[in-house]
C-alpha atoms as a PDB file:
ATOM      1  CA  MET A   1     233.433 217.442-141.112  1.00  0.00           C
ATOM      2  CA  THR A   2     230.858 215.529-138.218  1.00  0.00           C
ATOM      3  CA  GLN A   3     232.823 212.536-139.015  1.00  0.00           C
ATOM      4  CA  ASN A   4     236.210 214.690-139.028  1.00  0.00           C
ATOM      5  CA  SER A   5     235.421 216.010-135.506  1.00  0.00           C
ATOM      6  CA  ASN A   6     235.594 212.319-133.543  1.00  0.00           C
ATOM      7  CA  VAL A   7     239.084 211.974-134.945  1.00  0.00           C
ATOM      8  CA  VAL A   8     241.998 213.861-133.561  1.00  0.00           C
ATOM      9  CA  SER A   9     244.042 216.468-135.423  1.00  0.00           C
ATOM     10  CA  PRO A  10     247.058 215.212-136.315  1.00  0.00           C
ATOM     11  CA  SER A  11     248.766 219.048-135.059  1.00  0.00           C
ATOM     12  CA  LYS A  12     246.907 218.972-132.346  1.00  0.00           C
ATOM     13  CA  THR A  13     248.622 217.688-128.253  1.00  0.00           C
ATOM     14  CA  ILE A  14     247.277 214.930-126.734  1.00  0.00           C
ATOM     15  CA  SER A  15     246.735 217.728-123.596  1.00  0.00           C
ATOM     16  CA  ALA A  16     244.564 220.208-125.868  1.00  0.00           C
ATOM     17  CA  ALA A  17     242.102 217.339-127.743  1.00  0.00           C
ATOM     18  CA  ILE A  18     241.752 215.656-124.086  1.00  0.00           C
ATOM     19  CA  VAL A  19     240.451 219.070-122.673  1.00  0.00           C
ATOM     20  CA  GLU A  20     238.349 219.817-125.837  1.00  0.00           C
ATOM     21  CA  SER A  21     237.121 216.030-125.851  1.00  0.00           C
ATOM     22  CA  ALA A  22     235.925 216.474-121.989  1.00  0.00           C
ATOM     23  CA  THR A  23     234.498 219.299-123.015  1.00  0.00           C
ATOM     24  CA  HIS A  24     231.124 216.557-125.006  1.00  0.00           C
ATOM     25  CA  LEU A  25     231.853 214.205-122.167  1.00  0.00           C
ATOM     26  CA  GLU A  26     228.312 215.183-120.514  1.00  0.00           C
ATOM     27  CA  SER A  27     226.772 216.535-123.943  1.00  0.00           C
ATOM     28  CA  ASP A  28     227.611 213.687-126.697  1.00  0.00           C
ATOM     29  CA  SER A  29     229.882 210.979-124.500  1.00  0.00           C
ATOM     30  CA  PHE A  30     229.653 208.850-127.484  1.00  0.00           C
ATOM     31  CA  SER A  31     231.659 211.608-129.189  1.00  0.00           C
ATOM     32  CA  ALA A  32     233.853 212.046-126.182  1.00  0.00           C
ATOM     33  CA  GLU A  33     234.133 207.979-126.233  1.00  0.00           C
ATOM     34  CA  ARG A  34     235.306 208.432-129.793  1.00  0.00           C
ATOM     35  CA  ARG A  35     237.693 210.795-129.602  1.00  0.00           C
ATOM     36  CA  ALA A  36     239.632 209.192-126.601  1.00  0.00           C
ATOM     37  CA  LEU A  37     239.744 205.988-128.523  1.00  0.00           C
ATOM     38  CA  ALA A  38     241.514 207.888-131.666  1.00  0.00           C
ATOM     39  CA  ILE A  39     243.443 209.568-128.422  1.00  0.00           C
ATOM     40  CA  LEU A  40     244.637 205.894-127.410  1.00  0.00           C
ATOM     41  CA  LYS A  41     245.290 204.913-130.847  1.00  0.00           C
ATOM     42  CA  LYS A  42     248.109 207.537-130.942  1.00  0.00           C
ATOM     43  CA  ALA A  43     249.032 207.078-127.043  1.00  0.00           C
ATOM     44  CA  PRO A  44     248.398 203.770-125.795  1.00  0.00           C
ATOM     45  CA  GLY A  45     248.130 203.744-122.250  1.00  0.00           C
ATOM     46  CA  GLN A  46     247.986 207.790-121.643  1.00  0.00           C
ATOM     47  CA  PRO A  47     246.177 207.901-118.818  1.00  0.00           C
ATOM     48  CA  GLU A  48     243.687 210.682-118.193  1.00  0.00           C
ATOM     49  CA  ALA A  49     242.268 209.589-122.181  1.00  0.00           C
ATOM     50  CA  LEU A  50     241.789 206.160-120.281  1.00  0.00           C
ATOM     51  CA  VAL A  51     239.533 208.005-117.921  1.00  0.00           C
ATOM     52  CA  LEU A  52     238.082 209.981-120.443  1.00  0.00           C
ATOM     53  CA  LEU A  53     236.615 206.581-121.609  1.00  0.00           C
ATOM     54  CA  VAL A  54     235.846 205.195-119.019  1.00  0.00           C
ATOM     55  CA  SER A  55     234.110 208.162-117.458  1.00  0.00           C
ATOM     56  CA  ALA A  56     231.809 208.006-121.615  1.00  0.00           C
ATOM     57  CA  ARG A  57     231.175 204.594-121.066  1.00  0.00           C
ATOM     58  CA  ARG A  58     230.010 204.940-117.803  1.00  0.00           C
ATOM     59  CA  LEU A  59     227.832 207.685-118.537  1.00  0.00           C
ATOM     60  CA  ALA A  60     225.947 205.500-121.253  1.00  0.00           C
ATOM     61  CA  ASN A  61     225.686 202.877-117.950  1.00  0.00           C
ATOM     62  CA  ASP A  62     227.721 200.332-119.773  1.00  0.00           C
ATOM     63  CA  LEU A  63     230.883 199.600-117.415  1.00  0.00           C
ATOM     64  CA  ARG A  64     230.535 196.157-119.130  1.00  0.00           C
ATOM     65  CA  GLY A  65     231.284 197.494-122.166  1.00  0.00           C
ATOM     66  CA  ALA A  66     234.086 199.618-120.642  1.00  0.00           C
ATOM     67  CA  CYS A  67     235.711 196.977-119.341  1.00  0.00           C
ATOM     68  CA  ASP A  68     235.654 194.565-121.961  1.00  0.00           C
ATOM     69  CA  LEU A  69     237.106 197.113-124.081  1.00  0.00           C
ATOM     70  CA  LEU A  70     240.215 198.063-121.575  1.00  0.00           C
ATOM     71  CA  LYS A  71     240.252 194.169-121.454  1.00  0.00           C
ATOM     72  CA  GLU A  72     240.802 194.299-125.538  1.00  0.00           C
ATOM     73  CA  MET A  73     243.907 197.315-124.902  1.00  0.00           C
ATOM     74  CA  THR A  74     245.388 195.161-122.011  1.00  0.00           C
ATOM     75  CA  LYS A  75     245.198 191.254-124.368  1.00  0.00           C
ATOM     76  CA  VAL A  76     246.948 194.229-127.381  1.00  0.00           C
ATOM     77  CA  ALA A  77     249.594 195.890-124.467  1.00  0.00           C
ATOM     78  CA  PRO A  78     249.733 193.323-121.254  1.00  0.00           C
ATOM     79  CA  ASN A  79     252.258 195.447-119.261  1.00  0.00           C
ATOM     80  CA  LEU A  80     250.825 199.052-119.655  1.00  0.00           C
ATOM     81  CA  ALA A  81     250.290 199.973-115.313  1.00  0.00           C
ATOM     82  CA  SER A  82     247.703 202.691-117.098  1.00  0.00           C
ATOM     83  CA  THR A  83     245.643 200.561-118.567  1.00  0.00           C
ATOM     84  CA  GLN A  84     245.422 197.608-116.029  1.00  0.00           C
ATOM     85  CA  TYR A  85     244.897 200.202-113.388  1.00  0.00           C
ATOM     86  CA  GLU A  86     241.694 201.082-114.908  1.00  0.00           C
ATOM     87  CA  LEU A  87     240.976 197.612-115.620  1.00  0.00           C
ATOM     88  CA  GLY A  88     241.191 196.542-112.209  1.00  0.00           C
ATOM     89  CA  LEU A  89     239.393 199.861-110.915  1.00  0.00           C
ATOM     90  CA  LEU A  90     236.273 198.636-113.457  1.00  0.00           C
ATOM     91  CA  LEU A  91     236.833 195.424-112.415  1.00  0.00           C
ATOM     92  CA  ARG A  92     236.228 196.558-107.967  1.00  0.00           C
ATOM     93  CA  GLU A  93     233.290 197.866-109.455  1.00  0.00           C
ATOM     94  CA  LEU A  94     231.799 195.090-111.033  1.00  0.00           C
ATOM     95  CA  GLY A  95     232.605 192.864-108.074  1.00  0.00           C
ATOM     96  CA  GLU A  96     234.646 191.219-109.679  1.00  0.00           C
ATOM     97  CA  ASP A  97     237.627 191.022-106.797  1.00  0.00           C
ATOM     98  CA  ASP A  98     239.869 187.980-108.357  1.00  0.00           C
ATOM     99  CA  ALA A  99     240.367 189.512-111.106  1.00  0.00           C
ATOM    100  CA  SER A 100     240.239 193.249-109.872  1.00  0.00           C
ATOM    101  CA  ILE A 101     243.658 191.600-107.525  1.00  0.00           C
ATOM    102  CA  ALA A 102     244.972 190.100-111.026  1.00  0.00           C
ATOM    103  CA  ALA A 103     245.202 193.572-112.561  1.00  0.00           C
ATOM    104  CA  PHE A 104     246.812 195.553-109.377  1.00  0.00           C
ATOM    105  CA  ARG A 105     249.036 193.004-109.386  1.00  0.00           C
ATOM    106  CA  ARG A 106     250.006 193.165-112.583  1.00  0.00           C
ATOM    107  CA  VAL A 107     249.774 197.323-112.284  1.00  0.00           C
ATOM    108  CA  VAL A 108     252.869 197.067-109.470  1.00  0.00           C
ATOM    109  CA  GLN A 109     254.840 194.213-111.401  1.00  0.00           C
ATOM    110  CA  SER A 110     255.045 196.569-114.588  1.00  0.00           C
ATOM    111  CA  GLU A 111     255.612 199.356-112.137  1.00  0.00           C
ATOM    112  CA  PRO A 112     256.902 198.900-108.724  1.00  0.00           C
ATOM    113  CA  LEU A 113     256.470 202.880-107.677  1.00  0.00           C
ATOM    114  CA  HIS A 114     252.930 203.097-108.497  1.00  0.00           C
ATOM    115  CA  ALA A 115     251.063 204.240-104.749  1.00  0.00           C
ATOM    116  CA  ASN A 116     247.988 203.853-106.283  1.00  0.00           C
ATOM    117  CA  GLY A 117     248.082 201.108-107.714  1.00  0.00           C
ATOM    118  CA  TRP A 118     249.747 199.456-104.425  1.00  0.00           C
ATOM    119  CA  ARG A 119     246.775 201.285-102.245  1.00  0.00           C
ATOM    120  CA  ALA A 120     243.778 200.039-104.620  1.00  0.00           C
ATOM    121  CA  LEU A 121     245.611 196.453-104.685  1.00  0.00           C
ATOM    122  CA  GLY A 122     245.407 195.928-100.615  1.00  0.00           C
ATOM    123  CA  ASP A 123     242.212 198.025-100.696  1.00  0.00           C
ATOM    124  CA  VAL A 124     241.046 194.552-102.455  1.00  0.00           C
ATOM    125  CA  LEU A 125     242.408 192.122-100.737  1.00  0.00           C
ATOM    126  CA  SER A 126     241.175 193.473 -97.116  1.00  0.00           C
ATOM    127  CA  LYS A 127     237.925 193.145 -98.432  1.00  0.00           C
ATOM    128  CA  GLU A 128     238.067 189.751 -99.314  1.00  0.00           C
ATOM    129  CA  THR A 129     238.048 186.936 -97.289  1.00  0.00           C
ATOM    130  CA  ARG A 130     240.328 187.076 -94.555  1.00  0.00           C
ATOM    131  CA  THR A 131     242.911 183.588 -94.708  1.00  0.00           C
ATOM    132  CA  GLU A 132     246.330 184.734 -93.433  1.00  0.00           C
ATOM    133  CA  ALA A 133     247.697 184.534 -96.653  1.00  0.00           C
ATOM    134  CA  ARG A 134     245.272 187.437 -97.719  1.00  0.00           C
ATOM    135  CA  VAL A 135     246.140 189.693 -94.335  1.00  0.00           C
ATOM    136  CA  THR A 136     249.423 188.787 -94.776  1.00  0.00           C
ATOM    137  CA  GLU A 137     249.557 190.323 -98.398  1.00  0.00           C
ATOM    138  CA  ALA A 138     247.169 193.526 -98.361  1.00  0.00           C
ATOM    139  CA  ALA A 139     249.678 194.193 -95.092  1.00  0.00           C
ATOM    140  CA  ARG A 140     252.718 194.069 -97.126  1.00  0.00           C
ATOM    141  CA  THR A 141     250.685 195.921 -99.555  1.00  0.00           C
ATOM    142  CA  TYR A 142     250.062 198.780 -97.788  1.00  0.00           C
ATOM    143  CA  ALA A 143     253.438 199.057 -96.189  1.00  0.00           C
ATOM    144  CA  LYS A 144     254.237 199.516 -99.760  1.00  0.00           C
ATOM    145  CA  TYR A 145     252.219 202.247-100.669  1.00  0.00           C
ATOM    146  CA  LEU A 146     253.388 204.006 -97.120  1.00  0.00           C
ATOM    147  CA  GLU A 147     256.415 204.062 -98.180  1.00  0.00           C
ATOM    148  CA  LEU A 148     256.094 205.640-101.622  1.00  0.00           C
ATOM    149  CA  VAL A 149     254.218 207.956 -99.854  1.00  0.00           C
ATOM    150  CA  ALA A 150     256.425 208.781 -97.453  1.00  0.00           C
ATOM    151  CA  PRO A 151     258.796 211.025 -99.456  1.00  0.00           C
ATOM    152  CA  GLY A 152     255.507 213.736 -99.537  1.00  0.00           C
ATOM    153  CA  LEU A 153     255.061 214.116 -95.795  1.00  0.00           C
ATOM    154  CA  GLU A 154     258.493 214.665 -95.265  1.00  0.00           C
ATOM    155  CA  HIS A 155     258.296 217.794 -97.885  1.00  0.00           C
ATOM    156  CA  LEU A 156     255.363 218.642 -95.885  1.00  0.00           C
ATOM    157  CA  GLU A 157     257.773 218.402 -92.392  1.00  0.00           C
ATOM    158  CA  THR A 158     260.668 219.522 -94.038  1.00  0.00           C
ATOM    159  CA  ALA A 159     258.220 222.882 -95.052  1.00  0.00           C
ATOM    160  CA  SER A 160     257.755 223.412 -91.134  1.00  0.00           C
ATOM    161  CA  ARG A 161     261.242 223.317 -90.064  1.00  0.00           C
ATOM    162  CA  ALA A 162     261.882 226.170 -93.161  1.00  0.00           C
ATOM    163  CA  GLU A 163     258.985 228.175 -91.733  1.00  0.00           C
ATOM    164  CA  ARG A 164     261.423 230.825 -89.520  1.00  0.00           C
ATOM    165  CA  SER A 165     264.462 230.888 -91.762  1.00  0.00           C
ATOM    166  CA  GLN A 166     263.342 230.689 -95.360  1.00  0.00           C
ATOM    167  CA  PRO A 167     259.626 232.004 -95.028  1.00  0.00           C
ATOM    168  CA  GLY A 168     259.386 232.922 -99.337  1.00  0.00           C
ATOM    169  CA  THR A 169     261.387 229.564-100.390  1.00  0.00           C
ATOM    170  CA  THR A 170     258.807 227.151 -97.405  1.00  0.00           C
ATOM    171  CA  GLU A 171     255.399 229.496 -98.781  1.00  0.00           C
ATOM    172  CA  ASN A 172     256.673 228.644-102.711  1.00  0.00           C
ATOM    173  CA  GLY A 173     257.175 224.855-101.759  1.00  0.00           C
ATOM    174  CA  LEU A 174     253.479 225.476-100.068  1.00  0.00           C
ATOM    175  CA  ARG A 175     251.807 226.636-102.605  1.00  0.00           C
ATOM    176  CA  GLN A 176     252.888 224.567-105.547  1.00  0.00           C
ATOM    177  CA  TRP A 177     252.185 221.290-103.426  1.00  0.00           C
ATOM    178  CA  LEU A 178     248.464 222.605-102.884  1.00  0.00           C
ATOM    179  CA  LYS A 179     247.933 223.070-105.923  1.00  0.00           C
ATOM    180  CA  VAL A 180     248.437 219.488-106.754  1.00  0.00           C
ATOM    181  CA  HIS A 181     246.299 218.318-103.327  1.00  0.00           C
ATOM    182  CA  PRO A 182     244.126 221.128-102.674  1.00  0.00           C
ATOM    183  CA  THR A 183     242.281 219.579 -99.891  1.00  0.00           C
ATOM    184  CA  ASP A 184     245.762 218.398 -97.361  1.00  0.00           C
ATOM    185  CA  VAL A 185     244.701 220.208 -94.439  1.00  0.00           C
ATOM    186  CA  VAL A 186     247.855 219.874 -92.851  1.00  0.00           C
ATOM    187  CA  ALA A 187     249.407 221.731 -95.837  1.00  0.00           C
ATOM    188  CA  LEU A 188     246.636 224.225 -95.086  1.00  0.00           C
ATOM    189  CA  LYS A 189     247.417 224.405 -91.540  1.00  0.00           C
ATOM    190  CA  LEU A 190     251.652 225.197 -92.603  1.00  0.00           C
ATOM    191  CA  LEU A 191     250.327 227.615 -94.670  1.00  0.00           C
ATOM    192  CA  GLY A 192     248.048 229.267 -92.347  1.00  0.00           C
ATOM    193  CA  ASN A 193     250.895 229.138 -89.196  1.00  0.00           C
ATOM    194  CA  LEU A 194     253.267 230.955 -92.258  1.00  0.00           C
ATOM    195  CA  TYR A 195     251.169 233.684 -92.919  1.00  0.00           C
ATOM    196  CA  LEU A 196     250.261 234.275 -89.277  1.00  0.00           C
ATOM    197  CA  ARG A 197     253.928 234.021 -88.082  1.00  0.00           C
ATOM    198  CA  LEU A 198     254.682 237.196 -91.547  1.00  0.00           C
ATOM    199  CA  SER A 199     250.899 239.079 -90.022  1.00  0.00           C
ATOM    200  CA  ARG A 200     249.183 238.162 -92.887  1.00  0.00           C
ATOM    201  CA  HIS A 201     246.566 237.552 -90.570  1.00  0.00           C
ATOM    202  CA  GLU A 202     243.477 237.800 -93.744  1.00  0.00           C
ATOM    203  CA  GLN A 203     244.926 235.354 -95.736  1.00  0.00           C
ATOM    204  CA  ALA A 204     246.423 233.036 -92.285  1.00  0.00           C
ATOM    205  CA  GLU A 205     242.799 232.856 -91.622  1.00  0.00           C
ATOM    206  CA  GLU A 206     241.463 231.968 -95.112  1.00  0.00           C
ATOM    207  CA  LEU A 207     243.511 229.094 -95.240  1.00  0.00           C
ATOM    208  CA  LEU A 208     243.037 227.435 -91.565  1.00  0.00           C
ATOM    209  CA  SER A 209     239.187 228.413 -92.057  1.00  0.00           C
ATOM    210  CA  LYS A 210     239.034 226.110 -95.498  1.00  0.00           C
ATOM    211  CA  ALA A 211     241.726 223.116 -93.226  1.00  0.00           C
ATOM    212  CA  LEU A 212     238.310 223.180 -90.921  1.00  0.00           C
ATOM    213  CA  GLU A 213     235.623 222.801 -93.522  1.00  0.00           C
ATOM    214  CA  LEU A 214     237.366 219.946 -94.238  1.00  0.00           C
ATOM    215  CA  ALA A 215     237.741 218.682 -90.848  1.00  0.00           C
ATOM    216  CA  PRO A 216     236.111 220.132 -89.156  1.00  0.00           C
ATOM    217  CA  HIS A 217     238.067 218.340 -85.593  1.00  0.00           C
ATOM    218  CA  PHE A 218     241.227 219.846 -86.406  1.00  0.00           C
ATOM    219  CA  THR A 219     242.136 220.737 -83.719  1.00  0.00           C
ATOM    220  CA  GLU A 220     245.700 222.185 -84.707  1.00  0.00           C
ATOM    221  CA  ALA A 221     244.369 224.416 -86.658  1.00  0.00           C
ATOM    222  CA  ARG A 222     240.951 225.263 -84.941  1.00  0.00           C
ATOM    223  CA  TRP A 223     243.957 226.781 -82.300  1.00  0.00           C
ATOM    224  CA  LEU A 224     246.086 228.877 -85.528  1.00  0.00           C
ATOM    225  CA  LEU A 225     242.994 230.445 -86.354  1.00  0.00           C
ATOM    226  CA  VAL A 226     241.829 231.130 -82.482  1.00  0.00           C
ATOM    227  CA  GLY A 227     245.292 233.692 -82.923  1.00  0.00           C
ATOM    228  CA  THR A 228     244.689 235.209 -86.359  1.00  0.00           C
ATOM    229  CA  PHE A 229     240.808 236.653 -84.467  1.00  0.00           C
ATOM    230  CA  VAL A 230     243.266 237.645 -81.207  1.00  0.00           C
ATOM    231  CA  TYR A 231     245.827 239.420 -82.957  1.00  0.00           C
ATOM    232  CA  ARG A 232     242.922 241.585 -84.967  1.00  0.00           C
ATOM    233  CA  GLY A 233     241.085 242.131 -81.781  1.00  0.00           C
ATOM    234  CA  ASN A 234     238.056 240.502 -82.877  1.00  0.00           C
ATOM    235  CA  TRP A 235     237.109 238.699 -79.082  1.00  0.00           C
ATOM    236  CA  LYS A 236     233.695 237.263 -80.282  1.00  0.00           C
ATOM    237  CA  MET A 237     234.932 234.455 -82.997  1.00  0.00           C
ATOM    238  CA  ALA A 238     238.427 233.945 -80.338  1.00  0.00           C
ATOM    239  CA  LEU A 239     236.027 233.379 -77.897  1.00  0.00           C
ATOM    240  CA  SER A 240     233.688 231.507 -79.844  1.00  0.00           C
ATOM    241  CA  MET A 241     236.475 229.621 -81.423  1.00  0.00           C
ATOM    242  CA  THR A 242     237.623 228.999 -77.932  1.00  0.00           C
ATOM    243  CA  GLU A 243     234.503 227.487 -76.194  1.00  0.00           C
ATOM    244  CA  THR A 244     234.760 224.518 -79.114  1.00  0.00           C
ATOM    245  CA  LEU A 245     238.018 223.657 -77.797  1.00  0.00           C
ATOM    246  CA  LEU A 246     237.188 224.075 -74.469  1.00  0.00           C
ATOM    247  CA  ASP A 247     233.660 221.183 -75.135  1.00  0.00           C
ATOM    248  CA  GLU A 248     237.393 218.983 -75.763  1.00  0.00           C
ATOM    249  CA  ASP A 249     239.971 220.047 -73.525  1.00  0.00           C
ATOM    250  CA  PRO A 250     238.567 221.578 -71.249  1.00  0.00           C
ATOM    251  CA  ASP A 251     241.276 222.054 -68.899  1.00  0.00           C
ATOM    252  CA  ASN A 252     243.357 222.971 -71.269  1.00  0.00           C
ATOM    253  CA  CYS A 253     245.623 225.895 -69.511  1.00  0.00           C
ATOM    254  CA  ASP A 254     245.815 228.296 -72.921  1.00  0.00           C
ATOM    255  CA  TYR A 255     242.535 227.991 -73.877  1.00  0.00           C
ATOM    256  CA  LEU A 256     241.296 229.004 -70.457  1.00  0.00           C
ATOM    257  CA  ASP A 257     243.693 231.720 -70.567  1.00  0.00           C
ATOM    258  CA  THR A 258     242.492 232.201 -74.033  1.00  0.00           C
ATOM    259  CA  LYS A 259     238.741 232.449 -73.323  1.00  0.00           C
ATOM    260  CA  ALA A 260     239.372 234.956 -69.887  1.00  0.00           C
ATOM    261  CA  HIS A 261     241.544 237.448 -71.718  1.00  0.00           C
ATOM    262  CA  SER A 262     238.559 237.800 -74.812  1.00  0.00           C
ATOM    263  CA  LEU A 263     236.310 238.070 -72.067  1.00  0.00           C
ATOM    264  CA  LEU A 264     238.066 240.781 -69.939  1.00  0.00           C
ATOM    265  CA  GLN A 265     238.377 242.481 -73.790  1.00  0.00           C
ATOM    266  CA  LEU A 266     235.108 242.464 -74.199  1.00  0.00           C
ATOM    267  CA  CYS A 267     234.489 243.538 -71.294  1.00  0.00           C
ATOM    268  CA  GLU A 268     232.232 240.920 -69.101  1.00  0.00           C
ATOM    269  CA  PHE A 269     234.249 241.232 -66.346  1.00  0.00           C
ATOM    270  CA  ASP A 270     232.203 238.564 -63.550  1.00  0.00           C
ATOM    271  CA  ALA A 271     232.312 236.174 -66.576  1.00  0.00           C
ATOM    272  CA  ALA A 272     236.112 236.748 -66.871  1.00  0.00           C
ATOM    273  CA  ALA A 273     237.044 236.960 -63.516  1.00  0.00           C
ATOM    274  CA  ALA A 274     234.377 233.312 -62.652  1.00  0.00           C
ATOM    275  CA  ALA A 275     236.935 231.543 -66.162  1.00  0.00           C
ATOM    276  CA  TYR A 276     240.071 233.135 -64.085  1.00  0.00           C
ATOM    277  CA  GLU A 277     239.261 231.418 -60.871  1.00  0.00           C
ATOM    278  CA  SER A 278     238.410 227.907 -63.415  1.00  0.00           C
ATOM    279  CA  LEU A 279     241.964 228.761 -64.681  1.00  0.00           C
ATOM    280  CA  LEU A 280     243.852 228.420 -61.720  1.00  0.00           C
ATOM    281  CA  CYS A 281     241.808 225.786 -60.094  1.00  0.00           C
ATOM    282  CA  GLN A 282     244.344 223.859 -62.858  1.00  0.00           C
ATOM    283  CA  HIS A 283     246.415 226.285 -63.273  1.00  0.00           C
ATOM    284  CA  PRO A 284     248.072 228.722 -60.521  1.00  0.00           C
ATOM    285  CA  THR A 285     251.127 230.240 -62.129  1.00  0.00           C
ATOM    286  CA  ALA A 286     252.521 233.866 -60.785  1.00  0.00           C
ATOM    287  CA  GLU A 287     250.796 235.081 -63.764  1.00  0.00           C
ATOM    288  CA  ASN A 288     247.625 233.660 -63.731  1.00  0.00           C
ATOM    289  CA  TRP A 289     247.260 234.992 -60.792  1.00  0.00           C
ATOM    290  CA  MET A 290     248.382 238.866 -62.398  1.00  0.00           C
ATOM    291  CA  SER A 291     245.571 238.763 -64.707  1.00  0.00           C
ATOM    292  CA  TYR A 292     243.377 237.260 -62.084  1.00  0.00           C
ATOM    293  CA  GLY A 293     244.127 240.736 -60.045  1.00  0.00           C
ATOM    294  CA  ARG A 294     243.774 242.742 -63.085  1.00  0.00           C
ATOM    295  CA  THR A 295     240.293 241.481 -63.372  1.00  0.00           C
ATOM    296  CA  LEU A 296     239.717 241.966 -59.858  1.00  0.00           C
ATOM    297  CA  LYS A 297     240.549 245.491 -59.928  1.00  0.00           C
ATOM    298  CA  VAL A 298     238.216 246.266 -62.686  1.00  0.00           C
ATOM    299  CA  LEU A 299     235.606 244.869 -60.917  1.00  0.00           C
ATOM    300  CA  GLY A 300     236.492 246.898 -57.760  1.00  0.00           C
ATOM    301  CA  ARG A 301     237.243 244.029 -55.678  1.00  0.00           C
ATOM    302  CA  THR A 302     240.195 246.078 -54.592  1.00  0.00           C
ATOM    303  CA  ASP A 303     240.756 244.230 -51.530  1.00  0.00           C
ATOM    304  CA  ASP A 304     240.633 240.756 -53.602  1.00  0.00           C
ATOM    305  CA  ALA A 305     242.819 242.415 -55.804  1.00  0.00           C
ATOM    306  CA  ILE A 306     245.705 242.957 -53.885  1.00  0.00           C
ATOM    307  CA  ALA A 307     245.649 239.339 -53.009  1.00  0.00           C
ATOM    308  CA  ALA A 308     245.701 238.116 -56.169  1.00  0.00           C
ATOM    309  CA  TYR A 309     248.712 240.021 -56.550  1.00  0.00           C
ATOM    310  CA  ARG A 310     250.233 238.651 -53.540  1.00  0.00           C
ATOM    311  CA  ARG A 311     250.038 235.103 -54.613  1.00  0.00           C
ATOM    312  CA  SER A 312     251.353 235.769 -57.848  1.00  0.00           C
ATOM    313  CA  LEU A 313     254.633 237.764 -55.994  1.00  0.00           C
ATOM    314  CA  ALA A 314     254.740 233.943 -53.259  1.00  0.00           C
ATOM    315  CA  LEU A 315     255.505 232.377 -56.678  1.00  0.00           C
ATOM    316  CA  LYS A 316     257.447 234.933 -58.780  1.00  0.00           C
ATOM    317  CA  PRO A 317     259.014 237.185 -56.055  1.00  0.00           C
ATOM    318  CA  ARG A 318     260.755 239.076 -58.584  1.00  0.00           C
ATOM    319  CA  SER A 319     257.598 240.026 -60.616  1.00  0.00           C
ATOM    320  CA  GLY A 320     258.005 243.986 -61.134  1.00  0.00           C
ATOM    321  CA  MET A 321     255.102 244.112 -62.722  1.00  0.00           C
ATOM    322  CA  ALA A 322     252.874 242.187 -59.801  1.00  0.00           C
ATOM    323  CA  TYR A 323     254.735 244.447 -57.530  1.00  0.00           C
ATOM    324  CA  TRP A 324     253.901 247.721 -60.029  1.00  0.00           C
ATOM    325  CA  SER A 325     249.977 246.426 -60.231  1.00  0.00           C
END
């Protein structure tokens, strides 16, 4: 029974066999390796089985042994890109860069659309002594990689343009994308923005917060997250997030306006007035003068408020709200 547990049952699917074998990886790497080899005998070059095999050898601290095994496999089937790719990764890790380059070249020769193969080749070429020929080849290699991944970027751009007209289709498309690319912060931002437009603020906050955890300096995601707090009246969080944005862009009109408005909502009237004064130094618009006038009115500075309203009217004479104020 023990011996049979190390092989793949003929009736078992490859995917099921790999999942089952992976459960033994940590506790019994030898058994996992035997299972991986059995799968590869049935399905030469099966990518997940190759990863399982290498992982088992890695746990046994035998990368050289894994490399030798893959070399034997490539001798039998030299045109299997998956085997060459795993071999290239191992050779790169072992510091055998010339052999790694050769393996990755065979990958892209066998499968010209193998994006990861092109990128891995470019990485090793860039690491090598930077002769003019290597620099040129690395540049061409990276260009090919970017050409192959461009459709994925176009998918996101299309989703962004479709946000308003086809929210259901856009949501499904972005969710499917994120199942495969869960750390794609641009996709997280796009889906968060869609939920913000649909007033699904809690879901928007969840996605935008995740984007910021992954990329703390992602300005667009942080600004959209401020929007979720503003719409729900969470002025403390809106103010805190806006202060962070102002640290990087202290003259941004939208940030300054949101800071001042948040302070006003928090009844910090003196601070709000000071914030509006800073805003007016950079952006003396009719709307900003009117908001400043409202703040001064709350503070009981009636004459100053009247002067602010008049400044607003001078810039926008047909503003009924300024007259009313």
